[in-house]
């Protein structure tokens, strides 16, 4: 499938495969061999996709040391958020199709912190399983920044965490609840007499 884009009177024909190659190369640590395994293709095929994209853009996307890819160029860095957005939208379309055709069957992957999984979610999960017994529910535990990346990359459908999720440009975040911290000490402890 090709996406046709007109930019500054020039005609670019960028294929999704080219963007997918860049994306998987980055998330697999610039290891083309590993990205090829994930995409069930050859390393030479991925190299051709990258070369074709760079030819279209008339600039390098990756920094190279010999034949090895070691990072993103300025153009590659600018391109990545747009590639992530494109694939987030594609995943949304796939999910809409799955929801429409099989609304009560499937897999839901939730990335969350240990605290949420241990203290907040057990009752919610129980109620969800009662309502949707045919949905396979997977919990992945991670720190907030990793949770955000998992949702962006499609490794999780929903992220539940604090902090960094609310300040991410690529995610739609909803405030669910607030919590406070308490200090618990014995009655004879010096902090027990403090008002705050």
N, C-alpha and C. Protein backbone atom coordinates (compact mmCIF):
# COMPACT_ATOMS: atom_id res chain seq x y z
N UNK A 1 0.85 -1.18 0.00
CA UNK A 1 0.00 0.00 0.00
C UNK A 1 0.89 1.23 0.00
N UNK A 2 0.54 2.22 -0.77
CA UNK A 2 1.34 3.45 -0.83
C UNK A 2 0.51 4.63 -0.34
N UNK A 3 1.18 5.54 0.34
CA UNK A 3 0.55 6.79 0.74
C UNK A 3 1.14 7.87 -0.15
N UNK A 4 0.32 8.59 -0.88
CA UNK A 4 0.80 9.68 -1.72
C UNK A 4 0.69 10.98 -0.94
N UNK A 5 1.79 11.71 -0.88
CA UNK A 5 1.82 12.97 -0.15
C UNK A 5 2.41 14.03 -1.06
N UNK A 6 1.76 15.18 -1.14
CA UNK A 6 2.32 16.29 -1.91
C UNK A 6 2.92 17.28 -0.93
N UNK A 7 4.20 17.56 -1.06
CA UNK A 7 4.90 18.47 -0.17
C UNK A 7 5.65 19.49 -1.01
N UNK A 8 5.37 20.79 -0.78
CA UNK A 8 6.07 21.86 -1.50
C UNK A 8 6.14 21.63 -3.00
N UNK A 9 5.03 21.30 -3.61
CA UNK A 9 4.92 21.11 -5.05
C UNK A 9 5.66 19.85 -5.54
N UNK A 10 6.27 19.10 -4.66
CA UNK A 10 6.94 17.86 -5.06
C UNK A 10 6.02 16.70 -4.76
N UNK A 11 6.13 15.66 -5.52
CA UNK A 11 5.29 14.49 -5.29
C UNK A 11 6.13 13.37 -4.68
N UNK A 12 5.78 12.97 -3.47
CA UNK A 12 6.45 11.85 -2.81
C UNK A 12 5.52 10.65 -2.79
N UNK A 13 6.07 9.48 -3.00
CA UNK A 13 5.28 8.27 -2.83
C UNK A 13 5.97 7.43 -1.76
N UNK A 14 5.45 7.52 -0.56
CA UNK A 14 6.05 6.83 0.58
C UNK A 14 5.20 5.60 0.89
N UNK A 15 5.84 4.46 0.96
CA UNK A 15 5.11 3.23 1.25
C UNK A 15 5.11 2.95 2.75
N UNK A 16 4.01 2.36 3.22
CA UNK A 16 3.93 2.01 4.64
C UNK A 16 5.05 1.07 5.04
N UNK A 17 5.46 0.18 4.14
CA UNK A 17 6.55 -0.75 4.43
C UNK A 17 7.84 0.00 4.78
N UNK A 18 8.08 1.11 4.09
CA UNK A 18 9.28 1.89 4.36
C UNK A 18 9.22 2.49 5.76
N UNK A 19 8.07 3.04 6.12
CA UNK A 19 7.90 3.63 7.44
C UNK A 19 7.95 2.56 8.53
N UNK A 20 7.35 1.41 8.24
CA UNK A 20 7.36 0.30 9.19
C UNK A 20 8.79 -0.18 9.43
N UNK A 21 9.59 -0.19 8.37
CA UNK A 21 10.99 -0.60 8.48
C UNK A 21 11.76 0.35 9.40
N UNK A 22 11.57 1.64 9.21
CA UNK A 22 12.25 2.63 10.06
C UNK A 22 11.83 2.43 11.51
N UNK A 23 10.54 2.31 11.72
CA UNK A 23 10.00 2.17 13.08
C UNK A 23 10.57 0.94 13.79
N UNK A 24 10.50 -0.21 13.13
CA UNK A 24 10.98 -1.45 13.75
C UNK A 24 12.50 -1.45 13.91
N UNK A 25 13.19 -0.79 13.03
CA UNK A 25 14.65 -0.69 13.17
C UNK A 25 14.99 0.11 14.43
N UNK A 26 14.28 1.20 14.65
CA UNK A 26 14.54 2.03 15.83
C UNK A 26 14.19 1.28 17.11
N UNK A 27 13.00 0.68 17.18
CA UNK A 27 12.59 0.03 18.44
C UNK A 27 13.36 -1.26 18.71
N UNK A 28 14.07 -1.77 17.70
CA UNK A 28 14.93 -2.93 17.90
C UNK A 28 16.40 -2.54 18.01
N UNK A 29 16.64 -1.31 18.48
CA UNK A 29 17.99 -0.87 18.78
C UNK A 29 18.89 -0.74 17.57
N UNK A 30 18.32 -0.37 16.43
CA UNK A 30 19.07 -0.17 15.18
C UNK A 30 19.70 -1.47 14.67
N UNK A 31 19.15 -2.58 15.10
CA UNK A 31 19.62 -3.89 14.68
C UNK A 31 18.73 -4.39 13.55
N UNK A 32 19.22 -4.29 12.30
CA UNK A 32 18.43 -4.67 11.13
C UNK A 32 18.08 -6.15 11.14
N UNK A 33 19.00 -6.96 11.62
CA UNK A 33 18.76 -8.40 11.67
C UNK A 33 17.58 -8.73 12.59
N UNK A 34 17.57 -8.09 13.75
CA UNK A 34 16.48 -8.31 14.71
C UNK A 34 15.17 -7.76 14.17
N UNK A 35 15.20 -6.58 13.54
CA UNK A 35 13.99 -6.01 12.95
C UNK A 35 13.46 -6.91 11.84
N UNK A 36 14.35 -7.49 11.05
CA UNK A 36 13.94 -8.40 9.97
C UNK A 36 13.24 -9.63 10.53
N UNK A 37 13.75 -10.15 11.65
CA UNK A 37 13.12 -11.30 12.29
C UNK A 37 11.70 -10.97 12.73
N UNK A 38 11.55 -9.80 13.37
CA UNK A 38 10.22 -9.37 13.84
C UNK A 38 9.25 -9.22 12.66
N UNK A 39 9.75 -8.69 11.54
CA UNK A 39 8.90 -8.43 10.37
C UNK A 39 8.81 -9.63 9.43
N UNK A 40 9.45 -10.74 9.78
CA UNK A 40 9.43 -11.96 8.96
C UNK A 40 9.89 -11.69 7.53
N UNK A 41 11.02 -11.04 7.43
CA UNK A 41 11.58 -10.73 6.11
C UNK A 41 13.10 -10.79 6.21
N UNK A 42 13.79 -10.40 5.15
CA UNK A 42 15.25 -10.45 5.15
C UNK A 42 15.84 -9.08 5.48
N UNK A 43 17.08 -9.11 5.95
CA UNK A 43 17.79 -7.88 6.26
C UNK A 43 17.99 -7.05 4.99
N UNK A 44 18.27 -7.71 3.88
CA UNK A 44 18.48 -6.97 2.61
C UNK A 44 17.20 -6.28 2.16
N UNK A 45 16.06 -6.89 2.43
CA UNK A 45 14.78 -6.27 2.08
C UNK A 45 14.57 -4.99 2.87
N UNK A 46 14.92 -5.02 4.16
CA UNK A 46 14.79 -3.83 4.99
C UNK A 46 15.75 -2.73 4.52
N UNK A 47 16.96 -3.12 4.17
CA UNK A 47 17.93 -2.15 3.65
C UNK A 47 17.40 -1.46 2.40
N UNK A 48 16.72 -2.22 1.55
CA UNK A 48 16.14 -1.63 0.32
C UNK A 48 15.03 -0.64 0.66
N UNK A 49 14.20 -0.98 1.65
CA UNK A 49 13.12 -0.07 2.06
C UNK A 49 13.70 1.24 2.59
N UNK A 50 14.75 1.12 3.40
CA UNK A 50 15.38 2.32 3.96
C UNK A 50 16.00 3.17 2.85
N UNK A 51 16.70 2.51 1.94
CA UNK A 51 17.33 3.23 0.83
C UNK A 51 16.28 3.93 -0.04
N UNK A 52 15.16 3.26 -0.29
CA UNK A 52 14.10 3.86 -1.11
C UNK A 52 13.49 5.08 -0.42
N UNK A 53 13.28 4.98 0.90
CA UNK A 53 12.73 6.12 1.64
C UNK A 53 13.71 7.28 1.64
N UNK A 54 14.98 6.99 1.92
CA UNK A 54 15.97 8.06 1.93
C UNK A 54 16.12 8.70 0.55
N UNK A 55 15.96 7.89 -0.49
CA UNK A 55 15.99 8.42 -1.86
C UNK A 55 14.81 9.36 -2.10
N UNK A 56 13.63 8.96 -1.62
CA UNK A 56 12.43 9.81 -1.75
C UNK A 56 12.62 11.14 -1.01
N UNK A 57 13.14 11.04 0.20
CA UNK A 57 13.30 12.23 1.04
C UNK A 57 14.53 13.05 0.68
N UNK A 58 15.41 12.46 -0.11
CA UNK A 58 16.66 13.10 -0.54
C UNK A 58 17.58 13.47 0.64
N UNK A 59 17.52 12.64 1.67
CA UNK A 59 18.39 12.82 2.84
C UNK A 59 18.44 11.51 3.63
N UNK A 60 19.48 11.34 4.43
CA UNK A 60 19.60 10.14 5.27
C UNK A 60 18.66 10.23 6.46
N UNK A 61 18.12 9.08 6.83
CA UNK A 61 17.27 8.96 8.01
C UNK A 61 18.10 8.41 9.17
N UNK A 62 19.07 7.55 8.86
CA UNK A 62 19.88 6.90 9.88
C UNK A 62 21.33 7.38 9.83
N UNK A 63 21.95 7.43 11.00
CA UNK A 63 23.40 7.65 11.10
C UNK A 63 24.05 6.28 10.94
N UNK A 64 25.13 6.22 10.16
CA UNK A 64 25.79 4.95 9.88
C UNK A 64 27.26 4.99 10.30
N UNK A 65 27.74 3.84 10.77
CA UNK A 65 29.17 3.60 10.96
C UNK A 65 29.49 2.38 10.12
N UNK A 66 30.06 2.62 8.95
CA UNK A 66 30.25 1.53 8.00
C UNK A 66 28.88 1.10 7.51
N UNK A 67 28.58 -0.19 7.66
CA UNK A 67 27.26 -0.69 7.24
C UNK A 67 26.27 -0.72 8.40
N UNK A 68 26.75 -0.44 9.62
CA UNK A 68 25.89 -0.48 10.80
C UNK A 68 25.10 0.81 10.98
N UNK A 69 23.85 0.67 11.39
CA UNK A 69 23.03 1.83 11.75
C UNK A 69 23.25 2.09 13.24
N UNK A 70 23.53 3.34 13.60
CA UNK A 70 23.85 3.64 15.00
C UNK A 70 22.91 4.65 15.64
N UNK A 71 22.05 5.27 14.86
CA UNK A 71 21.14 6.27 15.41
C UNK A 71 20.35 6.94 14.31
N UNK A 72 19.62 7.97 14.69
CA UNK A 72 18.82 8.74 13.74
C UNK A 72 19.50 10.06 13.42
N UNK A 73 19.38 10.49 12.18
CA UNK A 73 19.82 11.82 11.80
C UNK A 73 18.80 12.83 12.32
N UNK A 74 19.05 14.09 12.09
CA UNK A 74 18.07 15.12 12.47
C UNK A 74 16.75 14.87 11.76
N UNK A 75 16.81 14.51 10.48
CA UNK A 75 15.59 14.21 9.73
C UNK A 75 14.89 12.98 10.31
N UNK A 76 15.65 11.94 10.64
CA UNK A 76 15.07 10.74 11.22
C UNK A 76 14.39 11.02 12.55
N UNK A 77 15.02 11.85 13.37
CA UNK A 77 14.43 12.22 14.66
C UNK A 77 13.13 12.98 14.46
N UNK A 78 13.11 13.88 13.47
CA UNK A 78 11.89 14.64 13.19
C UNK A 78 10.79 13.75 12.61
N UNK A 79 11.19 12.70 11.91
CA UNK A 79 10.24 11.80 11.25
C UNK A 79 9.56 10.85 12.22
N UNK A 80 10.28 10.41 13.27
CA UNK A 80 9.77 9.36 14.16
C UNK A 80 8.41 9.64 14.80
N UNK A 81 8.16 10.84 15.34
CA UNK A 81 6.83 11.06 15.94
C UNK A 81 5.70 10.90 14.93
N UNK A 82 5.95 11.25 13.68
CA UNK A 82 4.93 11.13 12.64
C UNK A 82 4.70 9.66 12.27
N UNK A 83 5.78 8.90 12.23
CA UNK A 83 5.65 7.46 11.95
C UNK A 83 4.88 6.79 13.08
N UNK A 84 5.20 7.14 14.32
CA UNK A 84 4.48 6.56 15.46
C UNK A 84 3.00 6.91 15.41
N UNK A 85 2.69 8.14 15.02
CA UNK A 85 1.28 8.56 14.91
C UNK A 85 0.55 7.78 13.83
N UNK A 86 1.21 7.57 12.70
CA UNK A 86 0.60 6.81 11.59
C UNK A 86 0.26 5.40 12.06
N UNK A 87 1.21 4.74 12.73
CA UNK A 87 0.95 3.37 13.16
C UNK A 87 -0.03 3.30 14.33
N UNK A 88 -0.08 4.33 15.13
CA UNK A 88 -1.11 4.37 16.18
C UNK A 88 -2.50 4.43 15.55
N UNK A 89 -2.64 5.22 14.49
CA UNK A 89 -3.93 5.32 13.79
C UNK A 89 -4.28 4.00 13.10
N UNK A 90 -3.28 3.33 12.52
CA UNK A 90 -3.53 2.04 11.87
C UNK A 90 -4.00 1.03 12.91
N UNK A 91 -3.35 1.02 14.10
CA UNK A 91 -3.79 0.12 15.16
C UNK A 91 -5.22 0.43 15.59
N UNK A 92 -5.58 1.71 15.61
CA UNK A 92 -6.94 2.10 15.97
C UNK A 92 -7.94 1.54 14.96
N UNK A 93 -7.60 1.63 13.69
CA UNK A 93 -8.47 1.08 12.64
C UNK A 93 -8.60 -0.44 12.79
N UNK A 94 -7.48 -1.12 13.05
CA UNK A 94 -7.52 -2.57 13.27
C UNK A 94 -8.41 -2.91 14.45
N UNK A 95 -8.26 -2.15 15.54
CA UNK A 95 -9.06 -2.42 16.73
C UNK A 95 -10.54 -2.16 16.49
N UNK A 96 -10.86 -1.10 15.72
CA UNK A 96 -12.26 -0.84 15.38
C UNK A 96 -12.86 -2.02 14.62
N UNK A 97 -12.09 -2.56 13.69
CA UNK A 97 -12.55 -3.70 12.92
C UNK A 97 -12.78 -4.91 13.81
N UNK A 98 -11.82 -5.18 14.71
CA UNK A 98 -11.98 -6.32 15.62
C UNK A 98 -13.17 -6.13 16.55
N UNK A 99 -13.32 -4.92 17.08
CA UNK A 99 -14.44 -4.63 17.98
C UNK A 99 -15.78 -4.78 17.26
N UNK A 100 -15.83 -4.36 16.01
CA UNK A 100 -17.08 -4.43 15.25
C UNK A 100 -17.45 -5.88 14.94
N UNK A 101 -16.45 -6.67 14.54
CA UNK A 101 -16.72 -8.05 14.12
C UNK A 101 -16.85 -9.02 15.29
N UNK A 102 -16.10 -8.81 16.36
CA UNK A 102 -16.13 -9.70 17.52
C UNK A 102 -16.07 -8.88 18.80
N UNK A 103 -17.15 -8.20 19.15
CA UNK A 103 -17.09 -7.26 20.28
C UNK A 103 -16.80 -7.89 21.64
N UNK A 104 -17.05 -9.17 21.80
CA UNK A 104 -16.87 -9.78 23.12
C UNK A 104 -15.72 -10.78 23.17
N UNK A 105 -14.92 -10.86 22.10
CA UNK A 105 -13.82 -11.82 22.03
C UNK A 105 -12.54 -11.07 21.69
N UNK A 106 -11.42 -11.52 22.24
CA UNK A 106 -10.15 -10.91 21.87
C UNK A 106 -9.20 -10.85 23.04
N UNK A 107 -8.20 -10.00 22.91
CA UNK A 107 -7.19 -9.82 23.94
C UNK A 107 -7.06 -8.34 24.27
N UNK A 108 -7.00 -8.04 25.54
CA UNK A 108 -6.79 -6.67 26.01
C UNK A 108 -5.52 -6.67 26.85
N UNK A 109 -4.53 -5.89 26.40
CA UNK A 109 -3.26 -5.81 27.13
C UNK A 109 -3.19 -4.47 27.85
N UNK A 110 -3.00 -4.54 29.16
CA UNK A 110 -2.91 -3.33 29.98
C UNK A 110 -1.50 -3.25 30.56
N UNK A 111 -0.83 -2.14 30.30
CA UNK A 111 0.48 -1.88 30.90
C UNK A 111 0.24 -0.99 32.12
N UNK A 112 0.80 -1.38 33.25
CA UNK A 112 0.55 -0.63 34.48
C UNK A 112 1.70 -0.78 35.45
N UNK A 113 1.70 0.03 36.47
CA UNK A 113 2.73 -0.07 37.50
C UNK A 113 2.38 -1.17 38.49
N UNK A 114 3.37 -1.60 39.25
CA UNK A 114 3.14 -2.63 40.26
C UNK A 114 2.08 -2.19 41.27
N UNK A 115 2.16 -0.94 41.69
CA UNK A 115 1.22 -0.44 42.70
C UNK A 115 -0.22 -0.51 42.20
N UNK A 116 -0.45 -0.07 40.96
CA UNK A 116 -1.80 -0.11 40.40
C UNK A 116 -2.29 -1.56 40.27
N UNK A 117 -1.40 -2.43 39.78
CA UNK A 117 -1.76 -3.84 39.58
C UNK A 117 -2.08 -4.53 40.91
N UNK A 118 -1.34 -4.16 41.95
CA UNK A 118 -1.49 -4.83 43.23
C UNK A 118 -2.64 -4.30 44.07
N UNK A 119 -2.86 -2.97 44.04
CA UNK A 119 -3.81 -2.38 44.98
C UNK A 119 -5.07 -1.79 44.36
N UNK A 120 -5.01 -1.39 43.09
CA UNK A 120 -6.15 -0.71 42.48
C UNK A 120 -6.94 -1.61 41.53
N UNK A 121 -6.24 -2.39 40.73
CA UNK A 121 -6.90 -3.11 39.64
C UNK A 121 -7.58 -4.44 39.98
N UNK A 122 -7.25 -5.14 41.06
CA UNK A 122 -7.88 -6.46 41.26
C UNK A 122 -9.40 -6.46 41.18
N UNK A 123 -10.07 -5.52 41.83
CA UNK A 123 -11.53 -5.49 41.78
C UNK A 123 -12.03 -5.12 40.38
N UNK A 124 -11.34 -4.18 39.74
CA UNK A 124 -11.72 -3.77 38.38
C UNK A 124 -11.59 -4.95 37.43
N UNK A 125 -10.50 -5.70 37.55
CA UNK A 125 -10.27 -6.86 36.69
C UNK A 125 -11.34 -7.92 36.91
N UNK A 126 -11.70 -8.15 38.17
CA UNK A 126 -12.75 -9.12 38.48
C UNK A 126 -14.07 -8.74 37.81
N UNK A 127 -14.45 -7.48 37.92
CA UNK A 127 -15.69 -7.01 37.30
C UNK A 127 -15.61 -7.10 35.77
N UNK A 128 -14.44 -6.77 35.21
CA UNK A 128 -14.26 -6.86 33.75
C UNK A 128 -14.42 -8.31 33.29
N UNK A 129 -13.78 -9.25 34.00
CA UNK A 129 -13.84 -10.67 33.62
C UNK A 129 -15.27 -11.20 33.72
N UNK A 130 -16.05 -10.69 34.69
CA UNK A 130 -17.45 -11.10 34.81
C UNK A 130 -18.26 -10.62 33.60
N UNK A 131 -17.97 -9.39 33.14
CA UNK A 131 -18.68 -8.82 32.00
C UNK A 131 -18.22 -9.38 30.65
N UNK A 132 -16.92 -9.67 30.54
CA UNK A 132 -16.34 -10.12 29.26
C UNK A 132 -15.50 -11.38 29.47
N UNK A 133 -16.16 -12.52 29.74
CA UNK A 133 -15.41 -13.74 30.05
C UNK A 133 -14.56 -14.28 28.90
N UNK A 134 -14.88 -13.91 27.67
CA UNK A 134 -14.14 -14.44 26.52
C UNK A 134 -12.96 -13.56 26.11
N UNK A 135 -12.74 -12.46 26.82
CA UNK A 135 -11.62 -11.58 26.52
C UNK A 135 -10.42 -12.00 27.37
N UNK A 136 -9.30 -12.26 26.69
CA UNK A 136 -8.07 -12.61 27.38
C UNK A 136 -7.41 -11.32 27.87
N UNK A 137 -7.29 -11.16 29.17
CA UNK A 137 -6.74 -9.94 29.76
C UNK A 137 -5.29 -10.18 30.18
N UNK A 138 -4.38 -9.35 29.66
CA UNK A 138 -2.95 -9.48 29.97
C UNK A 138 -2.50 -8.21 30.68
N UNK A 139 -1.84 -8.38 31.83
CA UNK A 139 -1.26 -7.25 32.57
C UNK A 139 0.25 -7.26 32.38
N UNK A 140 0.81 -6.13 31.97
CA UNK A 140 2.25 -5.97 31.83
C UNK A 140 2.68 -4.91 32.84
N UNK A 141 3.61 -5.23 33.73
CA UNK A 141 4.07 -4.26 34.72
C UNK A 141 5.32 -3.54 34.24
N UNK A 142 5.33 -2.22 34.39
CA UNK A 142 6.47 -1.41 33.96
C UNK A 142 6.43 -0.06 34.67
N UNK A 143 7.49 0.73 34.47
CA UNK A 143 7.51 2.09 35.02
C UNK A 143 6.70 3.00 34.09
N UNK A 144 6.26 4.19 34.56
CA UNK A 144 5.39 5.05 33.76
C UNK A 144 5.92 5.40 32.36
N UNK A 145 7.21 5.69 32.24
CA UNK A 145 7.75 6.04 30.92
C UNK A 145 7.69 4.86 29.96
N UNK A 146 8.01 3.67 30.46
CA UNK A 146 7.95 2.46 29.63
C UNK A 146 6.51 2.16 29.25
N UNK A 147 5.58 2.39 30.18
CA UNK A 147 4.16 2.19 29.90
C UNK A 147 3.74 3.07 28.72
N UNK A 148 4.13 4.33 28.74
CA UNK A 148 3.80 5.24 27.65
C UNK A 148 4.36 4.72 26.32
N UNK A 149 5.61 4.27 26.34
CA UNK A 149 6.23 3.74 25.10
C UNK A 149 5.53 2.47 24.63
N UNK A 150 5.10 1.62 25.56
CA UNK A 150 4.40 0.39 25.18
C UNK A 150 3.09 0.70 24.47
N UNK A 151 2.37 1.70 24.96
CA UNK A 151 1.10 2.08 24.32
C UNK A 151 1.37 2.71 22.95
N UNK A 152 2.36 3.58 22.86
CA UNK A 152 2.71 4.21 21.59
C UNK A 152 3.10 3.17 20.55
N UNK A 153 3.85 2.16 20.97
CA UNK A 153 4.35 1.15 20.04
C UNK A 153 3.37 0.01 19.79
N UNK A 154 2.21 0.05 20.43
CA UNK A 154 1.21 -0.98 20.21
C UNK A 154 1.44 -2.25 21.00
N UNK A 155 2.34 -2.22 21.96
CA UNK A 155 2.60 -3.40 22.79
C UNK A 155 1.56 -3.51 23.91
N UNK A 156 0.80 -2.45 24.14
CA UNK A 156 -0.29 -2.45 25.12
C UNK A 156 -1.43 -1.62 24.56
N UNK A 157 -2.65 -2.01 24.90
CA UNK A 157 -3.84 -1.27 24.44
C UNK A 157 -4.12 -0.07 25.34
N UNK A 158 -3.87 -0.25 26.64
CA UNK A 158 -4.16 0.79 27.63
C UNK A 158 -2.99 0.86 28.60
N UNK A 159 -2.65 2.07 29.03
CA UNK A 159 -1.65 2.25 30.06
C UNK A 159 -2.29 2.89 31.28
N UNK A 160 -1.98 2.37 32.45
CA UNK A 160 -2.49 2.94 33.69
C UNK A 160 -1.29 3.26 34.57
N UNK A 161 -1.08 4.54 34.81
CA UNK A 161 0.09 4.95 35.58
C UNK A 161 -0.07 6.37 36.05
N UNK A 162 0.94 6.84 36.73
CA UNK A 162 0.97 8.22 37.19
C UNK A 162 2.06 8.95 36.41
N UNK A 163 2.22 10.21 36.70
CA UNK A 163 3.30 11.04 36.17
C UNK A 163 3.28 11.20 34.66
N UNK A 164 4.28 10.60 33.98
CA UNK A 164 4.60 10.97 32.60
C UNK A 164 3.50 10.72 31.58
N UNK A 165 2.53 9.90 31.87
CA UNK A 165 1.48 9.63 30.88
C UNK A 165 0.65 10.87 30.57
N UNK A 166 0.48 11.74 31.55
CA UNK A 166 -0.35 12.92 31.34
C UNK A 166 0.33 13.98 30.47
N UNK A 167 1.62 13.85 30.24
CA UNK A 167 2.35 14.87 29.50
C UNK A 167 2.96 14.32 28.21
N UNK A 168 2.28 13.38 27.56
CA UNK A 168 2.79 12.77 26.34
C UNK A 168 1.95 13.22 25.16
N UNK A 169 2.60 13.74 24.10
CA UNK A 169 1.89 14.29 22.95
C UNK A 169 1.23 13.23 22.08
N UNK A 170 1.64 11.96 22.21
CA UNK A 170 1.14 10.93 21.31
C UNK A 170 0.05 10.07 21.93
N UNK A 171 -0.33 10.39 23.15
CA UNK A 171 -1.32 9.58 23.85
C UNK A 171 -2.53 10.42 24.24
N UNK A 172 -3.67 9.80 24.24
CA UNK A 172 -4.86 10.44 24.77
C UNK A 172 -4.99 9.98 26.22
N UNK A 173 -4.82 10.90 27.15
CA UNK A 173 -4.81 10.56 28.57
C UNK A 173 -6.05 11.09 29.28
N UNK A 174 -6.56 10.28 30.19
CA UNK A 174 -7.72 10.67 30.99
C UNK A 174 -7.36 10.52 32.46
N UNK A 175 -7.67 11.55 33.23
CA UNK A 175 -7.42 11.49 34.67
C UNK A 175 -8.52 10.61 35.28
N UNK A 176 -8.12 9.56 35.98
CA UNK A 176 -9.08 8.62 36.53
C UNK A 176 -9.36 8.88 38.00
N UNK A 177 -8.33 9.04 38.79
CA UNK A 177 -8.52 9.35 40.21
C UNK A 177 -7.23 9.93 40.77
N UNK A 178 -7.32 10.57 41.93
CA UNK A 178 -6.16 11.12 42.62
C UNK A 178 -5.95 10.33 43.91
N UNK A 179 -4.71 10.25 44.32
CA UNK A 179 -4.43 9.61 45.59
C UNK A 179 -3.41 10.43 46.37
N UNK A 180 -3.34 10.17 47.66
CA UNK A 180 -2.40 10.89 48.51
C UNK A 180 -1.50 9.90 49.22
N UNK A 181 -0.39 10.40 49.74
CA UNK A 181 0.54 9.55 50.48
C UNK A 181 0.41 9.85 51.97
N UNK A 182 0.59 8.85 52.79
CA UNK A 182 0.51 8.99 54.23
C UNK A 182 1.80 8.46 54.85
N UNK A 183 2.21 9.07 55.96
CA UNK A 183 3.34 8.57 56.74
C UNK A 183 2.75 7.87 57.95
N UNK A 184 3.11 6.61 58.14
CA UNK A 184 2.59 5.83 59.26
C UNK A 184 3.75 5.55 60.23
N UNK A 185 3.55 5.99 61.48
CA UNK A 185 4.60 5.82 62.50
C UNK A 185 3.95 5.33 63.80
N UNK A 186 4.73 4.73 64.70
CA UNK A 186 4.19 4.35 66.02
C UNK A 186 3.77 5.61 66.79
N UNK A 187 2.85 5.46 67.75
CA UNK A 187 2.32 6.61 68.49
C UNK A 187 3.39 7.35 69.28
N UNK A 188 4.44 6.66 69.69
CA UNK A 188 5.48 7.33 70.47
C UNK A 188 6.61 7.89 69.59
N UNK A 189 6.44 7.84 68.28
CA UNK A 189 7.47 8.36 67.37
C UNK A 189 7.45 9.88 67.37
N UNK A 190 8.60 10.52 67.16
CA UNK A 190 8.69 11.99 67.19
C UNK A 190 7.84 12.65 66.11
N UNK A 191 7.57 11.94 64.99
CA UNK A 191 6.72 12.52 63.94
C UNK A 191 5.23 12.46 64.29
N UNK A 192 4.86 11.60 65.27
CA UNK A 192 3.45 11.44 65.61
C UNK A 192 2.84 12.72 66.15
N UNK A 193 3.63 13.61 66.71
CA UNK A 193 3.10 14.86 67.27
C UNK A 193 2.98 15.97 66.23
N UNK A 194 3.48 15.75 65.04
CA UNK A 194 3.44 16.77 63.98
C UNK A 194 2.04 16.88 63.39
N UNK A 195 1.61 18.11 63.16
CA UNK A 195 0.29 18.35 62.55
C UNK A 195 0.31 18.01 61.05
N UNK A 196 1.43 18.31 60.37
CA UNK A 196 1.50 18.05 58.93
C UNK A 196 2.92 17.62 58.57
